[in-house]
Structures are given as C-alpha cells and as structure tokens.
Amino acid sequence: ATDLRYLKQHTESKHLGVNYPCDQCDYISARPDNLVLHKQRKHEGMVIINGKQVQQKVTCDVCNAQLASSVALKRHKQVKHEGVRFGCDQCEYRATTAGYLRLHIESKHTESKYY
C-alpha cells in the first residue's frame, strides 16, 4: 500500500503537474505533508526546545496582530499595511503572494502540457 501511495504522489507531481504551493512564500511542494512541515518551520514559528515542539509568536507593531514568526510578520506587514501585490503581466489580476500569482498564471495563461 505504501508503494502505491508513493507511486500516486509521483504520478501526480511529475506527470500531472499536481503541486502544493505555500500561500505565504514561493515554496512549492510535490507532497502535502512536506508543505505542512514547511509551514510549521518557516511560517508558524515552530521550534524544538528540550525535545518538544514549541510555537513562538511575534506581534505586529502597527495593529498588534499575533503572528507565528518573523517571516509571517514581514509578509503580514507587506500585504496588510504596505499594500504589496504581485501583478500579472498578462491581465489585471493582482495576487497577495508570488505563489498565488504563479498559480493564477498556470491556470489562466498556460496551456496544459498533459493530455
């Protein structure tokens, strides 16, 4: 069963173009479990202290929002307070993350290479 699961993941990611983009940065994973680990480590501030996973929070100095990490705080400030957007060069769409823009371009402006 495990081999079939890995075969399915391989087929989806390598031959069908299935991927799992991070909604907070440019990271794209071929597997959903790797995306979860990425988000925990990079955006949710999960750290290991004495063998236990502990979450550290940071606070936005503009609106006092609690965020999971300094990376998440930086992205929060860009989107919520600085109006940073990623514009599509083929239409009027504007995304809040580069990952969302990439998904938009792939779904709206790129022909599928799989039939």
PDB file of N, CA and C in Angstrom:
ATOM      1  N   ALA A   1       0.826  -1.202   0.000  1.00  0.00           N
ATOM      2  CA  ALA A   1       0.000   0.000   0.000  1.00  0.00           C
ATOM      3  C   ALA A   1       0.860   1.251   0.000  1.00  0.00           C
ATOM      4  N   THR A   2       1.947   1.207   0.758  1.00  0.00           N
ATOM      5  CA  THR A   2       2.840   2.364   0.808  1.00  0.00           C
ATOM      6  C   THR A   2       3.422   2.652  -0.565  1.00  0.00           C
ATOM      7  N   ASP A   3       3.821   1.585  -1.269  1.00  0.00           N
ATOM      8  CA  ASP A   3       4.380   1.772  -2.604  1.00  0.00           C
ATOM      9  C   ASP A   3       3.365   2.397  -3.548  1.00  0.00           C
ATOM     10  N   LEU A   4       2.102   2.005  -3.443  1.00  0.00           N
ATOM     11  CA  LEU A   4       1.060   2.585  -4.285  1.00  0.00           C
ATOM     12  C   LEU A   4       0.847   4.057  -3.962  1.00  0.00           C
ATOM     13  N   ARG A   5       0.942   4.416  -2.673  1.00  0.00           N
ATOM     14  CA  ARG A   5       0.775   5.813  -2.286  1.00  0.00           C
ATOM     15  C   ARG A   5       1.892   6.669  -2.894  1.00  0.00           C
ATOM     16  N   TYR A   6       3.126   6.173  -2.807  1.00  0.00           N
ATOM     17  CA  TYR A   6       4.245   6.916  -3.376  1.00  0.00           C
ATOM     18  C   TYR A   6       4.168   6.982  -4.898  1.00  0.00           C
ATOM     19  N   LEU A   7       3.693   5.909  -5.509  1.00  0.00           N
ATOM     20  CA  LEU A   7       3.515   5.914  -6.958  1.00  0.00           C
ATOM     21  C   LEU A   7       2.468   6.956  -7.354  1.00  0.00           C
ATOM     22  N   LYS A   8       1.383   7.026  -6.602  1.00  0.00           N
ATOM     23  CA  LYS A   8       0.343   8.025  -6.874  1.00  0.00           C
ATOM     24  C   LYS A   8       0.909   9.438  -6.719  1.00  0.00           C
ATOM     25  N   GLN A   9       1.649   9.697  -5.642  1.00  0.00           N
ATOM     26  CA  GLN A   9       2.250  11.021  -5.435  1.00  0.00           C
ATOM     27  C   GLN A   9       3.221  11.352  -6.566  1.00  0.00           C
ATOM     28  N   HIS A  10       4.027  10.371  -6.966  1.00  0.00           N
ATOM     29  CA  HIS A  10       4.976  10.585  -8.053  1.00  0.00           C
ATOM     30  C   HIS A  10       4.238  10.935  -9.347  1.00  0.00           C
ATOM     31  N   THR A  11       3.229  10.150  -9.683  1.00  0.00           N
ATOM     32  CA  THR A  11       2.471  10.382 -10.909  1.00  0.00           C
ATOM     33  C   THR A  11       1.815  11.756 -10.899  1.00  0.00           C
ATOM     34  N   GLU A  12       1.212  12.111  -9.765  1.00  0.00           N
ATOM     35  CA  GLU A  12       0.550  13.415  -9.671  1.00  0.00           C
ATOM     36  C   GLU A  12       1.537  14.565  -9.821  1.00  0.00           C
ATOM     37  N   SER A  13       2.668  14.493  -9.123  1.00  0.00           N
ATOM     38  CA  SER A  13       3.599  15.628  -9.131  1.00  0.00           C
ATOM     39  C   SER A  13       4.440  15.699 -10.398  1.00  0.00           C
ATOM     40  N   LYS A  14       4.880  14.561 -10.905  1.00  0.00           N
ATOM     41  CA  LYS A  14       5.800  14.572 -12.048  1.00  0.00           C
ATOM     42  C   LYS A  14       5.111  14.518 -13.405  1.00  0.00           C
ATOM     43  N   HIS A  15       3.927  13.913 -13.464  1.00  0.00           N
ATOM     44  CA  HIS A  15       3.288  13.718 -14.754  1.00  0.00           C
ATOM     45  C   HIS A  15       1.975  14.475 -14.921  1.00  0.00           C
ATOM     46  N   LEU A  16       1.327  14.805 -13.830  1.00  0.00           N
ATOM     47  CA  LEU A  16       0.068  15.537 -13.913  1.00  0.00           C
ATOM     48  C   LEU A  16       0.200  16.986 -13.456  1.00  0.00           C
ATOM     49  N   GLY A  17       1.367  17.347 -12.966  1.00  0.00           N
ATOM     50  CA  GLY A  17       1.605  18.726 -12.555  1.00  0.00           C
ATOM     51  C   GLY A  17       0.953  19.123 -11.252  1.00  0.00           C
ATOM     52  N   VAL A  18       0.530  18.158 -10.437  1.00  0.00           N
ATOM     53  CA  VAL A  18      -0.087  18.471  -9.150  1.00  0.00           C
ATOM     54  C   VAL A  18       1.001  18.945  -8.191  1.00  0.00           C
ATOM     55  N   ASN A  19       0.771  20.095  -7.577  1.00  0.00           N
ATOM     56  CA  ASN A  19       1.723  20.590  -6.584  1.00  0.00           C
ATOM     57  C   ASN A  19       0.970  21.325  -5.491  1.00  0.00           C
ATOM     58  N   TYR A  20       1.691  21.621  -4.442  1.00  0.00           N
ATOM     59  CA  TYR A  20       1.094  22.237  -3.260  1.00  0.00           C
ATOM     60  C   TYR A  20       1.893  23.495  -2.916  1.00  0.00           C
ATOM     61  N   PRO A  21       1.441  24.662  -3.392  1.00  0.00           N
ATOM     62  CA  PRO A  21       2.186  25.892  -3.134  1.00  0.00           C
ATOM     63  C   PRO A  21       1.895  26.452  -1.746  1.00  0.00           C
ATOM     64  N   CYS A  22       2.901  27.040  -1.170  1.00  0.00           N
ATOM     65  CA  CYS A  22       2.746  27.743   0.095  1.00  0.00           C
ATOM     66  C   CYS A  22       2.012  29.053  -0.181  1.00  0.00           C
ATOM     67  N   ASP A  23       1.037  29.382   0.655  1.00  0.00           N
ATOM     68  CA  ASP A  23       0.287  30.622   0.457  1.00  0.00           C
ATOM     69  C   ASP A  23       0.983  31.830   1.073  1.00  0.00           C
ATOM     70  N   GLN A  24       2.186  31.612   1.618  1.00  0.00           N
ATOM     71  CA  GLN A  24       2.900  32.705   2.270  1.00  0.00           C
ATOM     72  C   GLN A  24       4.242  33.036   1.628  1.00  0.00           C
ATOM     73  N   CYS A  25       4.725  32.171   0.728  1.00  0.00           N
ATOM     74  CA  CYS A  25       6.008  32.430   0.069  1.00  0.00           C
ATOM     75  C   CYS A  25       6.045  31.662  -1.248  1.00  0.00           C
ATOM     76  N   ASP A  26       7.209  31.595  -1.875  1.00  0.00           N
ATOM     77  CA  ASP A  26       7.353  30.966  -3.184  1.00  0.00           C
ATOM     78  C   ASP A  26       7.530  29.454  -3.140  1.00  0.00           C
ATOM     79  N   TYR A  27       7.565  28.867  -1.974  1.00  0.00           N
ATOM     80  CA  TYR A  27       7.806  27.434  -1.848  1.00  0.00           C
ATOM     81  C   TYR A  27       6.673  26.633  -2.480  1.00  0.00           C
ATOM     82  N   ILE A  28       7.029  25.607  -3.245  1.00  0.00           N
ATOM     83  CA  ILE A  28       6.051  24.686  -3.829  1.00  0.00           C
ATOM     84  C   ILE A  28       6.516  23.272  -3.537  1.00  0.00           C
ATOM     85  N   SER A  29       5.625  22.471  -2.993  1.00  0.00           N
ATOM     86  CA  SER A  29       5.946  21.093  -2.638  1.00  0.00           C
ATOM     87  C   SER A  29       5.219  20.127  -3.556  1.00  0.00           C
ATOM     88  N   ALA A  30       5.836  18.994  -3.791  1.00  0.00           N
ATOM     89  CA  ALA A  30       5.185  17.935  -4.553  1.00  0.00           C
ATOM     90  C   ALA A  30       4.286  17.084  -3.660  1.00  0.00           C
ATOM     91  N   ARG A  31       4.451  17.243  -2.348  1.00  0.00           N
ATOM     92  CA  ARG A  31       3.683  16.426  -1.402  1.00  0.00           C
ATOM     93  C   ARG A  31       3.040  17.312  -0.342  1.00  0.00           C
ATOM     94  N   PRO A  32       1.782  17.036   0.012  1.00  0.00           N
ATOM     95  CA  PRO A  32       1.103  17.871   1.004  1.00  0.00           C
ATOM     96  C   PRO A  32       1.750  17.799   2.389  1.00  0.00           C
ATOM     97  N   ASP A  33       2.316  16.650   2.756  1.00  0.00           N
ATOM     98  CA  ASP A  33       2.941  16.550   4.073  1.00  0.00           C
ATOM     99  C   ASP A  33       4.189  17.407   4.168  1.00  0.00           C
ATOM    100  N   ASN A  34       4.922  17.535   3.067  1.00  0.00           N
ATOM    101  CA  ASN A  34       6.097  18.411   3.075  1.00  0.00           C
ATOM    102  C   ASN A  34       5.695  19.876   3.173  1.00  0.00           C
ATOM    103  N   LEU A  35       4.564  20.245   2.584  1.00  0.00           N
ATOM    104  CA  LEU A  35       4.077  21.617   2.702  1.00  0.00           C
ATOM    105  C   LEU A  35       3.721  21.927   4.155  1.00  0.00           C
ATOM    106  N   VAL A  36       3.083  20.986   4.836  1.00  0.00           N
ATOM    107  CA  VAL A  36       2.738  21.180   6.250  1.00  0.00           C
ATOM    108  C   VAL A  36       4.007  21.407   7.068  1.00  0.00           C
ATOM    109  N   LEU A  37       5.028  20.577   6.858  1.00  0.00           N
ATOM    110  CA  LEU A  37       6.296  20.745   7.585  1.00  0.00           C
ATOM    111  C   LEU A  37       6.935  22.091   7.272  1.00  0.00           C
ATOM    112  N   HIS A  38       6.929  22.481   5.995  1.00  0.00           N
ATOM    113  CA  HIS A  38       7.493  23.771   5.600  1.00  0.00           C
ATOM    114  C   HIS A  38       6.803  24.912   6.348  1.00  0.00           C
ATOM    115  N   LYS A  39       5.477  24.901   6.347  1.00  0.00           N
ATOM    116  CA  LYS A  39       4.736  25.979   7.004  1.00  0.00           C
ATOM    117  C   LYS A  39       5.004  26.014   8.506  1.00  0.00           C
ATOM    118  N   GLN A  40       5.092  24.842   9.127  1.00  0.00           N
ATOM    119  CA  GLN A  40       5.384  24.808  10.561  1.00  0.00           C
ATOM    120  C   GLN A  40       6.746  25.408  10.855  1.00  0.00           C
ATOM    121  N   ARG A  41       7.728  25.057  10.049  1.00  0.00           N
ATOM    122  CA  ARG A  41       9.101  25.501  10.316  1.00  0.00           C
ATOM    123  C   ARG A  41       9.354  26.942   9.907  1.00  0.00           C
ATOM    124  N   LYS A  42       8.810  27.346   8.768  1.00  0.00           N
ATOM    125  CA  LYS A  42       9.133  28.661   8.213  1.00  0.00           C
ATOM    126  C   LYS A  42       8.149  29.762   8.578  1.00  0.00           C
ATOM    127  N   HIS A  43       6.880  29.409   8.776  1.00  0.00           N
ATOM    128  CA  HIS A  43       5.877  30.448   8.960  1.00  0.00           C
ATOM    129  C   HIS A  43       5.141  30.388  10.294  1.00  0.00           C
ATOM    130  N   GLU A  44       5.143  29.262  10.932  1.00  0.00           N
ATOM    131  CA  GLU A  44       4.396  29.143  12.176  1.00  0.00           C
ATOM    132  C   GLU A  44       5.301  29.207  13.394  1.00  0.00           C
ATOM    133  N   GLY A  45       6.583  29.443  13.173  1.00  0.00           N
ATOM    134  CA  GLY A  45       7.496  29.648  14.282  1.00  0.00           C
ATOM    135  C   GLY A  45       7.693  28.439  15.172  1.00  0.00           C
ATOM    136  N   MET A  46       7.487  27.248  14.642  1.00  0.00           N
ATOM    137  CA  MET A  46       7.671  26.050  15.447  1.00  0.00           C
ATOM    138  C   MET A  46       9.161  25.814  15.657  1.00  0.00           C
ATOM    139  N   VAL A  47       9.554  25.668  16.891  1.00  0.00           N
ATOM    140  CA  VAL A  47      10.942  25.368  17.229  1.00  0.00           C
ATOM    141  C   VAL A  47      10.951  24.198  18.205  1.00  0.00           C
ATOM    142  N   ILE A  48      12.062  23.520  18.267  1.00  0.00           N
ATOM    143  CA  ILE A  48      12.213  22.394  19.185  1.00  0.00           C
ATOM    144  C   ILE A  48      13.022  22.865  20.389  1.00  0.00           C
ATOM    145  N   ILE A  49      12.431  22.773  21.566  1.00  0.00           N
ATOM    146  CA  ILE A  49      13.111  23.129  22.816  1.00  0.00           C
ATOM    147  C   ILE A  49      12.991  21.931  23.750  1.00  0.00           C
ATOM    148  N   ASN A  50      14.135  21.401  24.147  1.00  0.00           N
ATOM    149  CA  ASN A  50      14.166  20.217  25.020  1.00  0.00           C
ATOM    150  C   ASN A  50      13.314  19.073  24.471  1.00  0.00           C
ATOM    151  N   GLY A  51      13.386  18.864  23.151  1.00  0.00           N
ATOM    152  CA  GLY A  51      12.678  17.760  22.532  1.00  0.00           C
ATOM    153  C   GLY A  51      11.204  17.976  22.297  1.00  0.00           C
ATOM    154  N   LYS A  52      10.671  19.173  22.603  1.00  0.00           N
ATOM    155  CA  LYS A  52       9.245  19.452  22.405  1.00  0.00           C
ATOM    156  C   LYS A  52       9.075  20.566  21.387  1.00  0.00           C
ATOM    157  N   GLN A  53       8.042  20.424  20.539  1.00  0.00           N
ATOM    158  CA  GLN A  53       7.734  21.489  19.588  1.00  0.00           C
ATOM    159  C   GLN A  53       7.031  22.618  20.324  1.00  0.00           C
ATOM    160  N   VAL A  54       7.564  23.816  20.183  1.00  0.00           N
ATOM    161  CA  VAL A  54       7.008  24.992  20.851  1.00  0.00           C
ATOM    162  C   VAL A  54       6.804  26.079  19.800  1.00  0.00           C
ATOM    163  N   GLN A  55       5.686  26.771  19.894  1.00  0.00           N
ATOM    164  CA  GLN A  55       5.407  27.848  18.960  1.00  0.00           C
ATOM    165  C   GLN A  55       5.762  29.187  19.593  1.00  0.00           C
ATOM    166  N   GLN A  56       6.497  29.997  18.841  1.00  0.00           N
ATOM    167  CA  GLN A  56       6.849  31.330  19.300  1.00  0.00           C
ATOM    168  C   GLN A  56       6.048  32.347  18.500  1.00  0.00           C
ATOM    169  N   LYS A  57       5.513  33.357  19.153  1.00  0.00           N
ATOM    170  CA  LYS A  57       4.683  34.372  18.499  1.00  0.00           C
ATOM    171  C   LYS A  57       5.426  35.704  18.447  1.00  0.00           C
ATOM    172  N   VAL A  58       5.119  36.482  17.423  1.00  0.00           N
ATOM    173  CA  VAL A  58       5.616  37.853  17.310  1.00  0.00           C
ATOM    174  C   VAL A  58       4.404  38.753  17.100  1.00  0.00           C
ATOM    175  N   THR A  59       4.526  40.017  17.473  1.00  0.00           N
ATOM    176  CA  THR A  59       3.413  40.955  17.408  1.00  0.00           C
ATOM    177  C   THR A  59       3.699  42.066  16.411  1.00  0.00           C
ATOM    178  N   CYS A  60       2.705  42.383  15.591  1.00  0.00           N
ATOM    179  CA  CYS A  60       2.810  43.497  14.648  1.00  0.00           C
ATOM    180  C   CYS A  60       2.759  44.799  15.438  1.00  0.00           C
ATOM    181  N   ASP A  61       3.726  45.676  15.195  1.00  0.00           N
ATOM    182  CA  ASP A  61       3.769  46.944  15.918  1.00  0.00           C
ATOM    183  C   ASP A  61       2.773  47.969  15.369  1.00  0.00           C
ATOM    184  N   VAL A  62       2.121  47.654  14.248  1.00  0.00           N
ATOM    185  CA  VAL A  62       1.144  48.562  13.661  1.00  0.00           C
ATOM    186  C   VAL A  62      -0.269  48.258  14.170  1.00  0.00           C
ATOM    187  N   CYS A  63      -0.641  46.960  14.192  1.00  0.00           N
ATOM    188  CA  CYS A  63      -2.018  46.611  14.541  1.00  0.00           C
ATOM    189  C   CYS A  63      -2.130  45.595  15.680  1.00  0.00           C
ATOM    190  N   ASN A  64      -1.014  45.218  16.258  1.00  0.00           N
ATOM    191  CA  ASN A  64      -0.955  44.249  17.360  1.00  0.00           C
ATOM    192  C   ASN A  64      -1.411  42.836  16.991  1.00  0.00           C
ATOM    193  N   ALA A  65      -1.443  42.513  15.713  1.00  0.00           N
ATOM    194  CA  ALA A  65      -1.769  41.141  15.300  1.00  0.00           C
ATOM    195  C   ALA A  65      -0.678  40.206  15.790  1.00  0.00           C
ATOM    196  N   GLN A  66      -1.086  39.016  16.231  1.00  0.00           N
ATOM    197  CA  GLN A  66      -0.146  37.985  16.665  1.00  0.00           C
ATOM    198  C   GLN A  66       0.175  37.086  15.485  1.00  0.00           C
ATOM    199  N   LEU A  67       1.463  36.952  15.183  1.00  0.00           N
ATOM    200  CA  LEU A  67       1.881  36.118  14.066  1.00  0.00           C
ATOM    201  C   LEU A  67       2.871  35.073  14.549  1.00  0.00           C
ATOM    202  N   ALA A  68       3.009  34.021  13.753  1.00  0.00           N
ATOM    203  CA  ALA A  68       3.771  32.852  14.187  1.00  0.00           C
ATOM    204  C   ALA A  68       5.272  33.028  14.095  1.00  0.00           C
ATOM    205  N   SER A  69       5.746  33.917  13.237  1.00  0.00           N
ATOM    206  CA  SER A  69       7.194  34.043  13.049  1.00  0.00           C
ATOM    207  C   SER A  69       7.532  35.414  12.480  1.00  0.00           C
ATOM    208  N   SER A  70       8.816  35.714  12.449  1.00  0.00           N
ATOM    209  CA  SER A  70       9.246  36.989  11.871  1.00  0.00           C
ATOM    210  C   SER A  70       8.992  37.007  10.368  1.00  0.00           C
ATOM    211  N   VAL A  71       9.067  35.848   9.722  1.00  0.00           N
ATOM    212  CA  VAL A  71       8.765  35.769   8.290  1.00  0.00           C
ATOM    213  C   VAL A  71       7.285  36.080   8.064  1.00  0.00           C
ATOM    214  N   ALA A  72       6.425  35.507   8.889  1.00  0.00           N
ATOM    215  CA  ALA A  72       4.984  35.767   8.776  1.00  0.00           C
ATOM    216  C   ALA A  72       4.678  37.235   9.083  1.00  0.00           C
ATOM    217  N   LEU A  73       5.377  37.805  10.049  1.00  0.00           N
ATOM    218  CA  LEU A  73       5.189  39.220  10.377  1.00  0.00           C
ATOM    219  C   LEU A  73       5.579  40.108   9.204  1.00  0.00           C
ATOM    220  N   LYS A  74       6.702  39.810   8.579  1.00  0.00           N
ATOM    221  CA  LYS A  74       7.145  40.595   7.421  1.00  0.00           C
ATOM    222  C   LYS A  74       6.102  40.541   6.309  1.00  0.00           C
ATOM    223  N   ARG A  75       5.592  39.333   6.006  1.00  0.00           N
ATOM    224  CA  ARG A  75       4.589  39.167   4.954  1.00  0.00           C
ATOM    225  C   ARG A  75       3.286  39.882   5.337  1.00  0.00           C
ATOM    226  N   HIS A  76       2.879  39.787   6.601  1.00  0.00           N
ATOM    227  CA  HIS A  76       1.684  40.472   7.090  1.00  0.00           C
ATOM    228  C   HIS A  76       1.803  41.978   6.862  1.00  0.00           C
ATOM    229  N   LYS A  77       2.925  42.544   7.237  1.00  0.00           N
ATOM    230  CA  LYS A  77       3.110  43.994   7.066  1.00  0.00           C
ATOM    231  C   LYS A  77       3.073  44.394   5.599  1.00  0.00           C
ATOM    232  N   GLN A  78       3.704  43.590   4.744  1.00  0.00           N
ATOM    233  CA  GLN A  78       3.710  43.905   3.319  1.00  0.00           C
ATOM    234  C   GLN A  78       2.297  43.903   2.751  1.00  0.00           C
ATOM    235  N   VAL A  79       1.525  42.889   3.072  1.00  0.00           N
ATOM    236  CA  VAL A  79       0.188  42.747   2.492  1.00  0.00           C
ATOM    237  C   VAL A  79      -0.827  43.675   3.142  1.00  0.00           C
ATOM    238  N   LYS A  80      -0.844  43.720   4.472  1.00  0.00           N
ATOM    239  CA  LYS A  80      -1.882  44.469   5.185  1.00  0.00           C
ATOM    240  C   LYS A  80      -1.586  45.960   5.341  1.00  0.00           C
ATOM    241  N   HIS A  81      -0.319  46.325   5.483  1.00  0.00           N
ATOM    242  CA  HIS A  81      -0.004  47.722   5.799  1.00  0.00           C
ATOM    243  C   HIS A  81       0.730  48.465   4.682  1.00  0.00           C
ATOM    244  N   GLU A  82       1.414  47.727   3.814  1.00  0.00           N
ATOM    245  CA  GLU A  82       2.164  48.379   2.740  1.00  0.00           C
ATOM    246  C   GLU A  82       1.515  48.195   1.373  1.00  0.00           C
ATOM    247  N   GLY A  83       0.486  47.358   1.303  1.00  0.00           N
ATOM    248  CA  GLY A  83      -0.232  47.144   0.042  1.00  0.00           C
ATOM    249  C   GLY A  83       0.561  46.423  -1.025  1.00  0.00           C
ATOM    250  N   VAL A  84       1.534  45.615  -0.647  1.00  0.00           N
ATOM    251  CA  VAL A  84       2.336  44.891  -1.628  1.00  0.00           C
ATOM    252  C   VAL A  84       1.456  43.879  -2.361  1.00  0.00           C
ATOM    253  N   ARG A  85       1.517  43.910  -3.688  1.00  0.00           N
ATOM    254  CA  ARG A  85       0.778  42.971  -4.524  1.00  0.00           C
ATOM    255  C   ARG A  85       1.693  42.520  -5.662  1.00  0.00           C
ATOM    256  N   PHE A  86       1.404  41.354  -6.184  1.00  0.00           N
ATOM    257  CA  PHE A  86       2.154  40.782  -7.292  1.00  0.00           C
ATOM    258  C   PHE A  86       1.237  40.783  -8.505  1.00  0.00           C
ATOM    259  N   GLY A  87       1.523  41.655  -9.485  1.00  0.00           N
ATOM    260  CA  GLY A  87       0.647  41.836 -10.633  1.00  0.00           C
ATOM    261  C   GLY A  87       0.957  40.888 -11.774  1.00  0.00           C
ATOM    262  N   CYS A  88      -0.099  40.411 -12.413  1.00  0.00           N
ATOM    263  CA  CYS A  88       0.035  39.562 -13.595  1.00  0.00           C
ATOM    264  C   CYS A  88       0.383  40.453 -14.780  1.00  0.00           C
ATOM    265  N   ASP A  89       1.365  40.030 -15.578  1.00  0.00           N
ATOM    266  CA  ASP A  89       1.750  40.843 -16.736  1.00  0.00           C
ATOM    267  C   ASP A  89       0.893  40.553 -17.967  1.00  0.00           C
ATOM    268  N   GLN A  90      -0.129  39.673 -17.800  1.00  0.00           N
ATOM    269  CA  GLN A  90      -0.984  39.329 -18.933  1.00  0.00           C
ATOM    270  C   GLN A  90      -2.431  39.773 -18.750  1.00  0.00           C
ATOM    271  N   CYS A  91      -2.772  40.204 -17.534  1.00  0.00           N
ATOM    272  CA  CYS A  91      -4.125  40.694 -17.274  1.00  0.00           C
ATOM    273  C   CYS A  91      -4.078  41.592 -16.031  1.00  0.00           C
ATOM    274  N   GLU A  92      -5.223  41.953 -15.511  1.00  0.00           N
ATOM    275  CA  GLU A  92      -5.302  42.880 -14.383  1.00  0.00           C
ATOM    276  C   GLU A  92      -5.200  42.217 -13.007  1.00  0.00           C
ATOM    277  N   TYR A  93      -5.071  40.908 -12.956  1.00  0.00           N
ATOM    278  CA  TYR A  93      -5.038  40.177 -11.679  1.00  0.00           C
ATOM    279  C   TYR A  93      -3.854  40.614 -10.832  1.00  0.00           C
ATOM    280  N   ARG A  94      -4.114  40.776  -9.526  1.00  0.00           N
ATOM    281  CA  ARG A  94      -3.056  41.121  -8.572  1.00  0.00           C
ATOM    282  C   ARG A  94      -3.179  40.166  -7.388  1.00  0.00           C
ATOM    283  N   ALA A  95      -2.092  39.477  -7.078  1.00  0.00           N
ATOM    284  CA  ALA A  95      -2.085  38.481  -6.009  1.00  0.00           C
ATOM    285  C   ALA A  95      -1.383  39.023  -4.776  1.00  0.00           C
ATOM    286  N   THR A  96      -1.699  38.437  -3.633  1.00  0.00           N
ATOM    287  CA  THR A  96      -1.040  38.845  -2.384  1.00  0.00           C
ATOM    288  C   THR A  96       0.265  38.102  -2.159  1.00  0.00           C
ATOM    289  N   THR A  97       0.500  37.007  -2.896  1.00  0.00           N
ATOM    290  CA  THR A  97       1.771  36.285  -2.780  1.00  0.00           C
ATOM    291  C   THR A  97       2.250  35.896  -4.174  1.00  0.00           C
ATOM    292  N   ALA A  98       3.551  35.689  -4.292  1.00  0.00           N
ATOM    293  CA  ALA A  98       4.119  35.239  -5.562  1.00  0.00           C
ATOM    294  C   ALA A  98       3.603  33.851  -5.911  1.00  0.00           C
ATOM    295  N   GLY A  99       3.384  33.025  -4.908  1.00  0.00           N
ATOM    296  CA  GLY A  99       2.849  31.686  -5.143  1.00  0.00           C
ATOM    297  C   GLY A  99       1.457  31.726  -5.751  1.00  0.00           C
ATOM    298  N   TYR A 100       0.603  32.616  -5.245  1.00  0.00           N
ATOM    299  CA  TYR A 100      -0.741  32.755  -5.803  1.00  0.00           C
ATOM    300  C   TYR A 100      -0.681  33.288  -7.238  1.00  0.00           C
ATOM    301  N   LEU A 101       0.251  34.207  -7.504  1.00  0.00           N
ATOM    302  CA  LEU A 101       0.397  34.718  -8.861  1.00  0.00           C
ATOM    303  C   LEU A 101       0.823  33.597  -9.798  1.00  0.00           C
ATOM    304  N   ARG A 102       1.765  32.774  -9.371  1.00  0.00           N
ATOM    305  CA  ARG A 102       2.223  31.656 -10.194  1.00  0.00           C
ATOM    306  C   ARG A 102       1.059  30.694 -10.498  1.00  0.00           C
ATOM    307  N   LEU A 103       0.237  30.395  -9.492  1.00  0.00           N
ATOM    308  CA  LEU A 103      -0.924  29.531  -9.714  1.00  0.00           C
ATOM    309  C   LEU A 103      -1.900  30.155 -10.705  1.00  0.00           C
ATOM    310  N   HIS A 104      -2.118  31.463 -10.572  1.00  0.00           N
ATOM    311  CA  HIS A 104      -3.006  32.178 -11.487  1.00  0.00           C
ATOM    312  C   HIS A 104      -2.500  32.054 -12.923  1.00  0.00           C
ATOM    313  N   ILE A 105      -1.224  32.316 -13.132  1.00  0.00           N
ATOM    314  CA  ILE A 105      -0.649  32.261 -14.484  1.00  0.00           C
ATOM    315  C   ILE A 105      -0.755  30.849 -15.047  1.00  0.00           C
ATOM    316  N   GLU A 106      -0.448  29.848 -14.208  1.00  0.00           N
ATOM    317  CA  GLU A 106      -0.528  28.460 -14.671  1.00  0.00           C
ATOM    318  C   GLU A 106      -1.956  28.075 -15.043  1.00  0.00           C
ATOM    319  N   SER A 107      -2.936  28.541 -14.272  1.00  0.00           N
ATOM    320  CA  SER A 107      -4.316  28.128 -14.537  1.00  0.00           C
ATOM    321  C   SER A 107      -5.006  28.970 -15.603  1.00  0.00           C
ATOM    322  N   LYS A 108      -4.629  30.225 -15.751  1.00  0.00           N
ATOM    323  CA  LYS A 108      -5.337  31.114 -16.683  1.00  0.00           C
ATOM    324  C   LYS A 108      -4.589  31.397 -17.984  1.00  0.00           C
ATOM    325  N   HIS A 109      -3.259  31.343 -17.956  1.00  0.00           N
ATOM    326  CA  HIS A 109      -2.493  31.779 -19.129  1.00  0.00           C
ATOM    327  C   HIS A 109      -1.552  30.727 -19.691  1.00  0.00           C
ATOM    328  N   THR A 110      -1.539  29.525 -19.144  1.00  0.00           N
ATOM    329  CA  THR A 110      -0.628  28.484 -19.624  1.00  0.00           C
ATOM    330  C   THR A 110      -1.443  27.294 -20.086  1.00  0.00           C
ATOM    331  N   GLU A 111      -1.133  26.819 -21.289  1.00  0.00           N
ATOM    332  CA  GLU A 111      -1.810  25.634 -21.789  1.00  0.00           C
ATOM    333  C   GLU A 111      -1.233  24.409 -21.086  1.00  0.00           C
ATOM    334  N   SER A 112      -2.085  23.478 -20.756  1.00  0.00           N
ATOM    335  CA  SER A 112      -1.643  22.246 -20.106  1.00  0.00           C
ATOM    336  C   SER A 112      -0.786  21.441 -21.075  1.00  0.00           C
ATOM    337  N   LYS A 113       0.313  20.878 -20.567  1.00  0.00           N
ATOM    338  CA  LYS A 113       1.167  20.069 -21.409  1.00  0.00           C
ATOM    339  C   LYS A 113       0.823  18.581 -21.293  1.00  0.00           C
ATOM    340  N   TYR A 114      -0.211  18.279 -20.504  1.00  0.00           N
ATOM    341  CA  TYR A 114      -0.635  16.883 -20.326  1.00  0.00           C
ATOM    342  C   TYR A 114      -2.027  16.715 -20.941  1.00  0.00           C
ATOM    343  N   TYR A 115      -2.215  15.633 -21.599  1.00  0.00           N
ATOM    344  CA  TYR A 115      -3.497  15.407 -22.289  1.00  0.00           C
ATOM    345  C   TYR A 115      -4.211  14.213 -21.740  1.00  0.00           C
TER     346      TYR A 115
END
